[in-house]
Amino acid sequence: RLYKAGEESVSLETEYVSRVLVEQERLKQALPKVAADAKP
């Protein structure tokens, strides 16, 4: 939220955080199981 903060509204920052976390989860799902069980 702070990384994105500036002229953006609170609602847009919240949307940004959600989009980043959803994309991160998509990427985690792409990892091989062994790699996904531990921090890459």
PDB file of all heavy atoms in Angstrom:
ATOM      1  N   ARG A   1       0.833  -1.198   0.000  1.00  0.00           N
ATOM      2  CA  ARG A   1       0.000   0.000   0.000  1.00  0.00           C
ATOM      3  C   ARG A   1       0.874   1.257   0.000  1.00  0.00           C
ATOM      4  O   ARG A   1       0.613   2.224  -0.721  1.00  0.00           O
ATOM      5  CB  ARG A   1      -0.924   0.002   1.216  1.00  0.00           C
ATOM      6  CG  ARG A   1      -1.980   1.088   1.186  1.00  0.00           C
ATOM      7  CD  ARG A   1      -2.810   1.066   2.467  1.00  0.00           C
ATOM      8  NE  ARG A   1      -3.522  -0.191   2.615  1.00  0.00           N
ATOM      9  CZ  ARG A   1      -4.677  -0.479   2.025  1.00  0.00           C
ATOM     10  NH1 ARG A   1      -5.240   0.424   1.228  1.00  0.00           N
ATOM     11  NH2 ARG A   1      -5.267  -1.628   2.207  1.00  0.00           N
ATOM     12  N   LEU A   2       1.947   1.243   0.799  1.00  0.00           N
ATOM     13  CA  LEU A   2       2.850   2.393   0.850  1.00  0.00           C
ATOM     14  C   LEU A   2       3.644   2.516  -0.448  1.00  0.00           C
ATOM     15  O   LEU A   2       3.898   3.624  -0.927  1.00  0.00           O
ATOM     16  CB  LEU A   2       3.807   2.261   2.037  1.00  0.00           C
ATOM     17  CG  LEU A   2       4.787   3.416   2.246  1.00  0.00           C
ATOM     18  CD1 LEU A   2       4.048   4.746   2.384  1.00  0.00           C
ATOM     19  CD2 LEU A   2       5.678   3.164   3.452  1.00  0.00           C
ATOM     20  N   TYR A   3       4.021   1.383  -1.033  1.00  0.00           N
ATOM     21  CA  TYR A   3       4.749   1.395  -2.306  1.00  0.00           C
ATOM     22  C   TYR A   3       3.921   2.087  -3.381  1.00  0.00           C
ATOM     23  O   TYR A   3       4.443   2.833  -4.207  1.00  0.00           O
ATOM     24  CB  TYR A   3       5.069  -0.038  -2.731  1.00  0.00           C
ATOM     25  CG  TYR A   3       5.961  -0.150  -3.946  1.00  0.00           C
ATOM     26  CD1 TYR A   3       7.347  -0.145  -3.817  1.00  0.00           C
ATOM     27  CD2 TYR A   3       5.418  -0.273  -5.224  1.00  0.00           C
ATOM     28  CE1 TYR A   3       8.172  -0.254  -4.930  1.00  0.00           C
ATOM     29  CE2 TYR A   3       6.233  -0.378  -6.343  1.00  0.00           C
ATOM     30  CZ  TYR A   3       7.602  -0.373  -6.186  1.00  0.00           C
ATOM     31  OH  TYR A   3       8.424  -0.468  -7.303  1.00  0.00           O
ATOM     32  N   LYS A   4       2.620   1.847  -3.336  1.00  0.00           N
ATOM     33  CA  LYS A   4       1.719   2.418  -4.343  1.00  0.00           C
ATOM     34  C   LYS A   4       1.251   3.813  -3.963  1.00  0.00           C
ATOM     35  O   LYS A   4       0.802   4.584  -4.822  1.00  0.00           O
ATOM     36  CB  LYS A   4       0.495   1.506  -4.511  1.00  0.00           C
ATOM     37  CG  LYS A   4      -0.486   1.940  -5.599  1.00  0.00           C
ATOM     38  CD  LYS A   4       0.147   1.901  -6.976  1.00  0.00           C
ATOM     39  CE  LYS A   4      -0.881   2.175  -8.061  1.00  0.00           C
ATOM     40  NZ  LYS A   4      -0.241   2.246  -9.402  1.00  0.00           N
ATOM     41  N   ALA A   5       1.351   4.164  -2.672  1.00  0.00           N
ATOM     42  CA  ALA A   5       0.729   5.386  -2.155  1.00  0.00           C
ATOM     43  C   ALA A   5       1.219   6.633  -2.876  1.00  0.00           C
ATOM     44  O   ALA A   5       2.338   6.710  -3.350  1.00  0.00           O
ATOM     45  CB  ALA A   5       0.991   5.520  -0.658  1.00  0.00           C
ATOM     46  N   GLY A   6       0.360   7.640  -2.917  1.00  0.00           N
ATOM     47  CA  GLY A   6       0.664   8.898  -3.572  1.00  0.00           C
ATOM     48  C   GLY A   6      -0.627   9.616  -3.854  1.00  0.00           C
ATOM     49  O   GLY A   6      -1.401   9.896  -2.952  1.00  0.00           O
ATOM     50  N   GLU A   7      -0.858   9.822  -5.132  1.00  0.00           N
ATOM     51  CA  GLU A   7      -2.101  10.495  -5.493  1.00  0.00           C
ATOM     52  C   GLU A   7      -3.276   9.529  -5.582  1.00  0.00           C
ATOM     53  O   GLU A   7      -4.411   9.937  -5.760  1.00  0.00           O
ATOM     54  CB  GLU A   7      -1.931  11.212  -6.843  1.00  0.00           C
ATOM     55  CG  GLU A   7      -1.926  10.308  -8.068  1.00  0.00           C
ATOM     56  CD  GLU A   7      -0.584   9.625  -8.304  1.00  0.00           C
ATOM     57  OE1 GLU A   7       0.327   9.808  -7.491  1.00  0.00           O
ATOM     58  OE2 GLU A   7      -0.454   8.907  -9.321  1.00  0.00           O
ATOM     59  N   GLU A   8      -2.981   8.223  -5.447  1.00  0.00           N
ATOM     60  CA  GLU A   8      -4.053   7.239  -5.547  1.00  0.00           C
ATOM     61  C   GLU A   8      -4.966   7.303  -4.319  1.00  0.00           C
ATOM     62  O   GLU A   8      -4.544   7.642  -3.220  1.00  0.00           O
ATOM     63  CB  GLU A   8      -3.454   5.824  -5.654  1.00  0.00           C
ATOM     64  CG  GLU A   8      -2.499   5.637  -6.817  1.00  0.00           C
ATOM     65  CD  GLU A   8      -3.200   5.586  -8.158  1.00  0.00           C
ATOM     66  OE1 GLU A   8      -4.446   5.707  -8.166  1.00  0.00           O
ATOM     67  OE2 GLU A   8      -2.533   5.437  -9.175  1.00  0.00           O
ATOM     68  N   SER A   9      -6.236   6.950  -4.496  1.00  0.00           N
ATOM     69  CA  SER A   9      -7.177   6.901  -3.387  1.00  0.00           C
ATOM     70  C   SER A   9      -6.976   5.614  -2.600  1.00  0.00           C
ATOM     71  O   SER A   9      -6.316   4.685  -3.065  1.00  0.00           O
ATOM     72  CB  SER A   9      -8.612   6.945  -3.910  1.00  0.00           C
ATOM     73  OG  SER A   9      -8.902   5.765  -4.650  1.00  0.00           O
ATOM     74  N   VAL A  10      -7.546   5.552  -1.409  1.00  0.00           N
ATOM     75  CA  VAL A  10      -7.442   4.347  -0.589  1.00  0.00           C
ATOM     76  C   VAL A  10      -8.026   3.146  -1.318  1.00  0.00           C
ATOM     77  O   VAL A  10      -7.467   2.049  -1.293  1.00  0.00           O
ATOM     78  CB  VAL A  10      -8.162   4.561   0.759  1.00  0.00           C
ATOM     79  CG1 VAL A  10      -8.197   3.265   1.562  1.00  0.00           C
ATOM     80  CG2 VAL A  10      -7.472   5.647   1.573  1.00  0.00           C
ATOM     81  N   SER A  11      -9.153   3.334  -2.002  1.00  0.00           N
ATOM     82  CA  SER A  11      -9.799   2.219  -2.695  1.00  0.00           C
ATOM     83  C   SER A  11      -8.918   1.682  -3.814  1.00  0.00           C
ATOM     84  O   SER A  11      -8.833   0.469  -4.028  1.00  0.00           O
ATOM     85  CB  SER A  11     -11.157   2.640  -3.249  1.00  0.00           C
ATOM     86  OG  SER A  11     -11.016   3.691  -4.195  1.00  0.00           O
ATOM     87  N   LEU A  12      -8.254   2.570  -4.531  1.00  0.00           N
ATOM     88  CA  LEU A  12      -7.376   2.124  -5.610  1.00  0.00           C
ATOM     89  C   LEU A  12      -6.151   1.426  -5.055  1.00  0.00           C
ATOM     90  O   LEU A  12      -5.643   0.462  -5.644  1.00  0.00           O
ATOM     91  CB  LEU A  12      -6.952   3.314  -6.476  1.00  0.00           C
ATOM     92  CG  LEU A  12      -8.029   3.884  -7.400  1.00  0.00           C
ATOM     93  CD1 LEU A  12      -7.495   5.087  -8.167  1.00  0.00           C
ATOM     94  CD2 LEU A  12      -8.530   2.818  -8.370  1.00  0.00           C
ATOM     95  N   GLU A  13      -5.633   1.883  -3.931  1.00  0.00           N
ATOM     96  CA  GLU A  13      -4.505   1.203  -3.297  1.00  0.00           C
ATOM     97  C   GLU A  13      -4.918  -0.196  -2.860  1.00  0.00           C
ATOM     98  O   GLU A  13      -4.150  -1.152  -3.003  1.00  0.00           O
ATOM     99  CB  GLU A  13      -3.998   2.009  -2.104  1.00  0.00           C
ATOM    100  CG  GLU A  13      -3.276   3.294  -2.497  1.00  0.00           C
ATOM    101  CD  GLU A  13      -3.026   4.192  -1.304  1.00  0.00           C
ATOM    102  OE1 GLU A  13      -3.184   3.710  -0.163  1.00  0.00           O
ATOM    103  OE2 GLU A  13      -2.670   5.356  -1.508  1.00  0.00           O
ATOM    104  N   THR A  14      -6.126  -0.335  -2.320  1.00  0.00           N
ATOM    105  CA  THR A  14      -6.624  -1.636  -1.886  1.00  0.00           C
ATOM    106  C   THR A  14      -6.740  -2.577  -3.080  1.00  0.00           C
ATOM    107  O   THR A  14      -6.375  -3.754  -3.000  1.00  0.00           O
ATOM    108  CB  THR A  14      -7.989  -1.486  -1.198  1.00  0.00           C
ATOM    109  OG1 THR A  14      -7.850  -0.632  -0.054  1.00  0.00           O
ATOM    110  CG2 THR A  14      -8.529  -2.832  -0.744  1.00  0.00           C
ATOM    111  N   GLU A  15      -7.235  -2.058  -4.184  1.00  0.00           N
ATOM    112  CA  GLU A  15      -7.329  -2.855  -5.406  1.00  0.00           C
ATOM    113  C   GLU A  15      -5.945  -3.280  -5.880  1.00  0.00           C
ATOM    114  O   GLU A  15      -5.736  -4.413  -6.312  1.00  0.00           O
ATOM    115  CB  GLU A  15      -8.032  -2.051  -6.502  1.00  0.00           C
ATOM    116  CG  GLU A  15      -8.139  -2.797  -7.823  1.00  0.00           C
ATOM    117  CD  GLU A  15      -8.713  -1.942  -8.935  1.00  0.00           C
ATOM    118  OE1 GLU A  15      -9.049  -0.774  -8.667  1.00  0.00           O
ATOM    119  OE2 GLU A  15      -8.801  -2.431 -10.066  1.00  0.00           O
ATOM    120  N   TYR A  16      -4.981  -2.377  -5.775  1.00  0.00           N
ATOM    121  CA  TYR A  16      -3.607  -2.671  -6.187  1.00  0.00           C
ATOM    122  C   TYR A  16      -3.024  -3.803  -5.345  1.00  0.00           C
ATOM    123  O   TYR A  16      -2.445  -4.751  -5.882  1.00  0.00           O
ATOM    124  CB  TYR A  16      -2.743  -1.420  -6.033  1.00  0.00           C
ATOM    125  CG  TYR A  16      -1.265  -1.641  -6.196  1.00  0.00           C
ATOM    126  CD1 TYR A  16      -0.689  -1.729  -7.463  1.00  0.00           C
ATOM    127  CD2 TYR A  16      -0.430  -1.757  -5.093  1.00  0.00           C
ATOM    128  CE1 TYR A  16       0.670  -1.934  -7.621  1.00  0.00           C
ATOM    129  CE2 TYR A  16       0.933  -1.965  -5.244  1.00  0.00           C
ATOM    130  CZ  TYR A  16       1.474  -2.052  -6.502  1.00  0.00           C
ATOM    131  OH  TYR A  16       2.829  -2.249  -6.652  1.00  0.00           O
ATOM    132  N   VAL A  17      -3.189  -3.717  -4.037  1.00  0.00           N
ATOM    133  CA  VAL A  17      -2.679  -4.757  -3.146  1.00  0.00           C
ATOM    134  C   VAL A  17      -3.301  -6.101  -3.510  1.00  0.00           C
ATOM    135  O   VAL A  17      -2.609  -7.118  -3.601  1.00  0.00           O
ATOM    136  CB  VAL A  17      -2.970  -4.412  -1.673  1.00  0.00           C
ATOM    137  CG1 VAL A  17      -2.613  -5.588  -0.761  1.00  0.00           C
ATOM    138  CG2 VAL A  17      -2.193  -3.170  -1.248  1.00  0.00           C
ATOM    139  N   SER A  18      -4.596  -6.108  -3.749  1.00  0.00           N
ATOM    140  CA  SER A  18      -5.297  -7.343  -4.107  1.00  0.00           C
ATOM    141  C   SER A  18      -4.758  -7.910  -5.412  1.00  0.00           C
ATOM    142  O   SER A  18      -4.529  -9.127  -5.520  1.00  0.00           O
ATOM    143  CB  SER A  18      -6.791  -7.072  -4.219  1.00  0.00           C
ATOM    144  OG  SER A  18      -7.479  -8.235  -4.642  1.00  0.00           O
ATOM    145  N   ARG A  19      -4.556  -7.067  -6.400  1.00  0.00           N
ATOM    146  CA  ARG A  19      -4.054  -7.533  -7.701  1.00  0.00           C
ATOM    147  C   ARG A  19      -2.659  -8.137  -7.571  1.00  0.00           C
ATOM    148  O   ARG A  19      -2.360  -9.183  -8.185  1.00  0.00           O
ATOM    149  CB  ARG A  19      -4.026  -6.377  -8.695  1.00  0.00           C
ATOM    150  CG  ARG A  19      -5.398  -5.906  -9.151  1.00  0.00           C
ATOM    151  CD  ARG A  19      -5.265  -4.676 -10.040  1.00  0.00           C
ATOM    152  NE  ARG A  19      -4.479  -4.971 -11.237  1.00  0.00           N
ATOM    153  CZ  ARG A  19      -3.880  -4.051 -11.972  1.00  0.00           C
ATOM    154  NH1 ARG A  19      -3.966  -2.773 -11.626  1.00  0.00           N
ATOM    155  NH2 ARG A  19      -3.206  -4.392 -13.046  1.00  0.00           N
ATOM    156  N   VAL A  20      -1.803  -7.511  -6.779  1.00  0.00           N
ATOM    157  CA  VAL A  20      -0.450  -8.033  -6.601  1.00  0.00           C
ATOM    158  C   VAL A  20      -0.495  -9.397  -5.910  1.00  0.00           C
ATOM    159  O   VAL A  20       0.179 -10.347  -6.335  1.00  0.00           O
ATOM    160  CB  VAL A  20       0.421  -7.058  -5.787  1.00  0.00           C
ATOM    161  CG1 VAL A  20       1.752  -7.719  -5.403  1.00  0.00           C
ATOM    162  CG2 VAL A  20       0.701  -5.792  -6.594  1.00  0.00           C
ATOM    163  N   LEU A  21      -1.286  -9.518  -4.866  1.00  0.00           N
ATOM    164  CA  LEU A  21      -1.345 -10.775  -4.121  1.00  0.00           C
ATOM    165  C   LEU A  21      -1.968 -11.898  -4.953  1.00  0.00           C
ATOM    166  O   LEU A  21      -1.546 -13.053  -4.854  1.00  0.00           O
ATOM    167  CB  LEU A  21      -2.117 -10.575  -2.824  1.00  0.00           C
ATOM    168  CG  LEU A  21      -1.456  -9.621  -1.810  1.00  0.00           C
ATOM    169  CD1 LEU A  21      -2.311  -9.497  -0.560  1.00  0.00           C
ATOM    170  CD2 LEU A  21      -0.036 -10.076  -1.458  1.00  0.00           C
ATOM    171  N   VAL A  22      -2.951 -11.561  -5.770  1.00  0.00           N
ATOM    172  CA  VAL A  22      -3.548 -12.567  -6.660  1.00  0.00           C
ATOM    173  C   VAL A  22      -2.523 -13.035  -7.691  1.00  0.00           C
ATOM    174  O   VAL A  22      -2.395 -14.237  -7.963  1.00  0.00           O
ATOM    175  CB  VAL A  22      -4.798 -11.996  -7.371  1.00  0.00           C
ATOM    176  CG1 VAL A  22      -5.238 -12.908  -8.517  1.00  0.00           C
ATOM    177  CG2 VAL A  22      -5.931 -11.837  -6.372  1.00  0.00           C
ATOM    178  N   GLU A  23      -1.766 -12.109  -8.240  1.00  0.00           N
ATOM    179  CA  GLU A  23      -0.741 -12.480  -9.215  1.00  0.00           C
ATOM    180  C   GLU A  23       0.364 -13.287  -8.548  1.00  0.00           C
ATOM    181  O   GLU A  23       0.880 -14.251  -9.138  1.00  0.00           O
ATOM    182  CB  GLU A  23      -0.161 -11.226  -9.878  1.00  0.00           C
ATOM    183  CG  GLU A  23       0.987 -11.476 -10.848  1.00  0.00           C
ATOM    184  CD  GLU A  23       0.608 -12.318 -12.058  1.00  0.00           C
ATOM    185  OE1 GLU A  23      -0.575 -12.696 -12.201  1.00  0.00           O
ATOM    186  OE2 GLU A  23       1.513 -12.607 -12.865  1.00  0.00           O
ATOM    187  N   GLN A  24       0.721 -12.932  -7.339  1.00  0.00           N
ATOM    188  CA  GLN A  24       1.734 -13.714  -6.630  1.00  0.00           C
ATOM    189  C   GLN A  24       1.262 -15.151  -6.419  1.00  0.00           C
ATOM    190  O   GLN A  24       2.033 -16.099  -6.595  1.00  0.00           O
ATOM    191  CB  GLN A  24       2.071 -13.080  -5.282  1.00  0.00           C
ATOM    192  CG  GLN A  24       3.162 -13.846  -4.539  1.00  0.00           C
ATOM    193  CD  GLN A  24       3.445 -13.323  -3.151  1.00  0.00           C
ATOM    194  OE1 GLN A  24       2.620 -12.622  -2.560  1.00  0.00           O
ATOM    195  NE2 GLN A  24       4.606 -13.656  -2.606  1.00  0.00           N
ATOM    196  N   GLU A  25       0.005 -15.313  -6.054  1.00  0.00           N
ATOM    197  CA  GLU A  25      -0.526 -16.656  -5.850  1.00  0.00           C
ATOM    198  C   GLU A  25      -0.518 -17.447  -7.158  1.00  0.00           C
ATOM    199  O   GLU A  25      -0.226 -18.656  -7.163  1.00  0.00           O
ATOM    200  CB  GLU A  25      -1.940 -16.580  -5.283  1.00  0.00           C
ATOM    201  CG  GLU A  25      -2.570 -17.941  -4.973  1.00  0.00           C
ATOM    202  CD  GLU A  25      -1.770 -18.752  -3.967  1.00  0.00           C
ATOM    203  OE1 GLU A  25      -1.080 -18.157  -3.116  1.00  0.00           O
ATOM    204  OE2 GLU A  25      -1.836 -20.004  -4.045  1.00  0.00           O
ATOM    205  N   ARG A  26      -0.840 -16.793  -8.264  1.00  0.00           N
ATOM    206  CA  ARG A  26      -0.789 -17.473  -9.570  1.00  0.00           C
ATOM    207  C   ARG A  26       0.616 -17.980  -9.852  1.00  0.00           C
ATOM    208  O   ARG A  26       0.800 -19.114 -10.323  1.00  0.00           O
ATOM    209  CB  ARG A  26      -1.234 -16.513 -10.679  1.00  0.00           C
ATOM    210  CG  ARG A  26      -1.304 -17.144 -12.069  1.00  0.00           C
ATOM    211  CD  ARG A  26      -1.557 -16.110 -13.150  1.00  0.00           C
ATOM    212  NE  ARG A  26      -0.364 -15.349 -13.467  1.00  0.00           N
ATOM    213  CZ  ARG A  26       0.560 -15.750 -14.355  1.00  0.00           C
ATOM    214  NH1 ARG A  26       0.439 -16.898 -15.002  1.00  0.00           N
ATOM    215  NH2 ARG A  26       1.616 -14.990 -14.605  1.00  0.00           N
ATOM    216  N   LEU A  27       1.604 -17.154  -9.567  1.00  0.00           N
ATOM    217  CA  LEU A  27       2.991 -17.543  -9.803  1.00  0.00           C
ATOM    218  C   LEU A  27       3.415 -18.674  -8.874  1.00  0.00           C
ATOM    219  O   LEU A  27       4.126 -19.599  -9.287  1.00  0.00           O
ATOM    220  CB  LEU A  27       3.902 -16.327  -9.611  1.00  0.00           C
ATOM    221  CG  LEU A  27       3.737 -15.210 -10.649  1.00  0.00           C
ATOM    222  CD1 LEU A  27       4.480 -13.955 -10.211  1.00  0.00           C
ATOM    223  CD2 LEU A  27       4.228 -15.670 -12.019  1.00  0.00           C
ATOM    224  N   LYS A  28       2.990 -18.620  -7.625  1.00  0.00           N
ATOM    225  CA  LYS A  28       3.319 -19.694  -6.686  1.00  0.00           C
ATOM    226  C   LYS A  28       2.740 -21.021  -7.150  1.00  0.00           C
ATOM    227  O   LYS A  28       3.365 -22.080  -6.984  1.00  0.00           O
ATOM    228  CB  LYS A  28       2.797 -19.356  -5.290  1.00  0.00           C
ATOM    229  CG  LYS A  28       3.609 -18.302  -4.553  1.00  0.00           C
ATOM    230  CD  LYS A  28       3.054 -18.089  -3.147  1.00  0.00           C
ATOM    231  CE  LYS A  28       3.920 -17.149  -2.344  1.00  0.00           C
ATOM    232  NZ  LYS A  28       3.406 -16.943  -0.963  1.00  0.00           N
ATOM    233  N   GLN A  29       1.530 -20.972  -7.717  1.00  0.00           N
ATOM    234  CA  GLN A  29       0.900 -22.194  -8.203  1.00  0.00           C
ATOM    235  C   GLN A  29       1.670 -22.806  -9.366  1.00  0.00           C
ATOM    236  O   GLN A  29       1.536 -24.007  -9.644  1.00  0.00           O
ATOM    237  CB  GLN A  29      -0.542 -21.895  -8.626  1.00  0.00           C
ATOM    238  CG  GLN A  29      -1.479 -21.554  -7.477  1.00  0.00           C
ATOM    239  CD  GLN A  29      -1.610 -22.687  -6.479  1.00  0.00           C
ATOM    240  OE1 GLN A  29      -1.701 -23.855  -6.850  1.00  0.00           O
ATOM    241  NE2 GLN A  29      -1.613 -22.339  -5.189  1.00  0.00           N
ATOM    242  N   ALA A  30       2.453 -21.991 -10.053  1.00  0.00           N
ATOM    243  CA  ALA A  30       3.227 -22.486 -11.197  1.00  0.00           C
ATOM    244  C   ALA A  30       4.510 -23.198 -10.772  1.00  0.00           C
ATOM    245  O   ALA A  30       5.132 -23.899 -11.582  1.00  0.00           O
ATOM    246  CB  ALA A  30       3.583 -21.326 -12.126  1.00  0.00           C
ATOM    247  N   LEU A  31       4.896 -23.030  -9.535  1.00  0.00           N
ATOM    248  CA  LEU A  31       6.144 -23.633  -9.062  1.00  0.00           C
ATOM    249  C   LEU A  31       6.024 -25.147  -8.942  1.00  0.00           C
ATOM    250  O   LEU A  31       4.953 -25.673  -8.622  1.00  0.00           O
ATOM    251  CB  LEU A  31       6.520 -23.058  -7.700  1.00  0.00           C
ATOM    252  CG  LEU A  31       7.021 -21.616  -7.667  1.00  0.00           C
ATOM    253  CD1 LEU A  31       7.050 -21.094  -6.229  1.00  0.00           C
ATOM    254  CD2 LEU A  31       8.410 -21.520  -8.291  1.00  0.00           C
ATOM    255  N   PRO A  32       7.127 -25.871  -9.199  1.00  0.00           N
ATOM    256  CA  PRO A  32       7.131 -27.312  -8.925  1.00  0.00           C
ATOM    257  C   PRO A  32       6.785 -27.544  -7.458  1.00  0.00           C
ATOM    258  O   PRO A  32       7.104 -26.710  -6.609  1.00  0.00           O
ATOM    259  CB  PRO A  32       8.574 -27.722  -9.235  1.00  0.00           C
ATOM    260  CG  PRO A  32       9.099 -26.656 -10.130  1.00  0.00           C
ATOM    261  CD  PRO A  32       8.410 -25.390  -9.721  1.00  0.00           C
ATOM    262  N   LYS A  33       6.181 -28.654  -7.139  1.00  0.00           N
ATOM    263  CA  LYS A  33       5.696 -28.888  -5.785  1.00  0.00           C
ATOM    264  C   LYS A  33       6.795 -28.759  -4.736  1.00  0.00           C
ATOM    265  O   LYS A  33       6.607 -28.143  -3.693  1.00  0.00           O
ATOM    266  CB  LYS A  33       5.034 -30.264  -5.686  1.00  0.00           C
ATOM    267  CG  LYS A  33       4.494 -30.559  -4.288  1.00  0.00           C
ATOM    268  CD  LYS A  33       3.656 -31.791  -4.270  1.00  0.00           C
ATOM    269  CE  LYS A  33       3.203 -32.147  -2.871  1.00  0.00           C
ATOM    270  NZ  LYS A  33       2.684 -31.037  -2.097  1.00  0.00           N
ATOM    271  N   VAL A  34       7.960 -29.334  -5.016  1.00  0.00           N
ATOM    272  CA  VAL A  34       9.057 -29.252  -4.057  1.00  0.00           C
ATOM    273  C   VAL A  34       9.452 -27.816  -3.812  1.00  0.00           C
ATOM    274  O   VAL A  34       9.682 -27.383  -2.693  1.00  0.00           O
ATOM    275  CB  VAL A  34      10.276 -30.069  -4.540  1.00  0.00           C
ATOM    276  CG1 VAL A  34      11.463 -29.855  -3.608  1.00  0.00           C
ATOM    277  CG2 VAL A  34       9.910 -31.541  -4.609  1.00  0.00           C
ATOM    278  N   ALA A  35       9.532 -27.031  -4.915  1.00  0.00           N
ATOM    279  CA  ALA A  35       9.914 -25.627  -4.789  1.00  0.00           C
ATOM    280  C   ALA A  35       8.819 -24.809  -4.127  1.00  0.00           C
ATOM    281  O   ALA A  35       9.083 -23.858  -3.409  1.00  0.00           O
ATOM    282  CB  ALA A  35      10.242 -25.040  -6.172  1.00  0.00           C
ATOM    283  N   ALA A  36       7.573 -25.205  -4.362  1.00  0.00           N
ATOM    284  CA  ALA A  36       6.463 -24.443  -3.801  1.00  0.00           C
ATOM    285  C   ALA A  36       6.338 -24.650  -2.296  1.00  0.00           C
ATOM    286  O   ALA A  36       5.857 -23.774  -1.579  1.00  0.00           O
ATOM    287  CB  ALA A  36       5.157 -24.857  -4.484  1.00  0.00           C
ATOM    288  N   ASP A  37       6.802 -25.803  -1.801  1.00  0.00           N
ATOM    289  CA  ASP A  37       6.720 -26.087  -0.385  1.00  0.00           C
ATOM    290  C   ASP A  37       7.726 -25.302   0.436  1.00  0.00           C
ATOM    291  O   ASP A  37       7.583 -25.147   1.646  1.00  0.00           O
ATOM    292  CB  ASP A  37       6.939 -27.586  -0.122  1.00  0.00           C
ATOM    293  CG  ASP A  37       5.761 -28.404  -0.637  1.00  0.00           C
ATOM    294  OD1 ASP A  37       4.666 -27.818  -0.797  1.00  0.00           O
ATOM    295  OD2 ASP A  37       5.930 -29.606  -0.864  1.00  0.00           O
ATOM    296  N   ALA A  38       8.774 -24.818  -0.238  1.00  0.00           N
ATOM    297  CA  ALA A  38       9.789 -24.022   0.427  1.00  0.00           C
ATOM    298  C   ALA A  38       9.920 -22.698  -0.300  1.00  0.00           C
ATOM    299  O   ALA A  38       9.478 -22.556  -1.429  1.00  0.00           O
ATOM    300  CB  ALA A  38      11.133 -24.752   0.424  1.00  0.00           C
ATOM    301  N   LYS A  39      10.532 -21.723   0.356  1.00  0.00           N
ATOM    302  CA  LYS A  39      10.748 -20.432  -0.288  1.00  0.00           C
ATOM    303  C   LYS A  39      11.704 -20.601  -1.454  1.00  0.00           C
ATOM    304  O   LYS A  39      12.773 -21.195  -1.295  1.00  0.00           O
ATOM    305  CB  LYS A  39      11.326 -19.422   0.711  1.00  0.00           C
ATOM    306  CG  LYS A  39      11.623 -18.060   0.074  1.00  0.00           C
ATOM    307  CD  LYS A  39      12.250 -17.140   1.094  1.00  0.00           C
ATOM    308  CE  LYS A  39      12.630 -15.813   0.434  1.00  0.00           C
ATOM    309  NZ  LYS A  39      13.267 -14.878   1.374  1.00  0.00           N
ATOM    310  N   PRO A  40      11.357 -20.129  -2.664  1.00  0.00           N
ATOM    311  CA  PRO A  40      12.257 -20.267  -3.807  1.00  0.00           C
ATOM    312  C   PRO A  40      13.576 -19.562  -3.526  1.00  0.00           C
ATOM    313  O   PRO A  40      13.598 -18.423  -3.049  1.00  0.00           O
ATOM    314  CB  PRO A  40      11.492 -19.575  -4.942  1.00  0.00           C
ATOM    315  CG  PRO A  40      10.074 -19.564  -4.499  1.00  0.00           C
ATOM    316  CD  PRO A  40      10.112 -19.448  -3.004  1.00  0.00           C
TER     317      PRO A  40
END
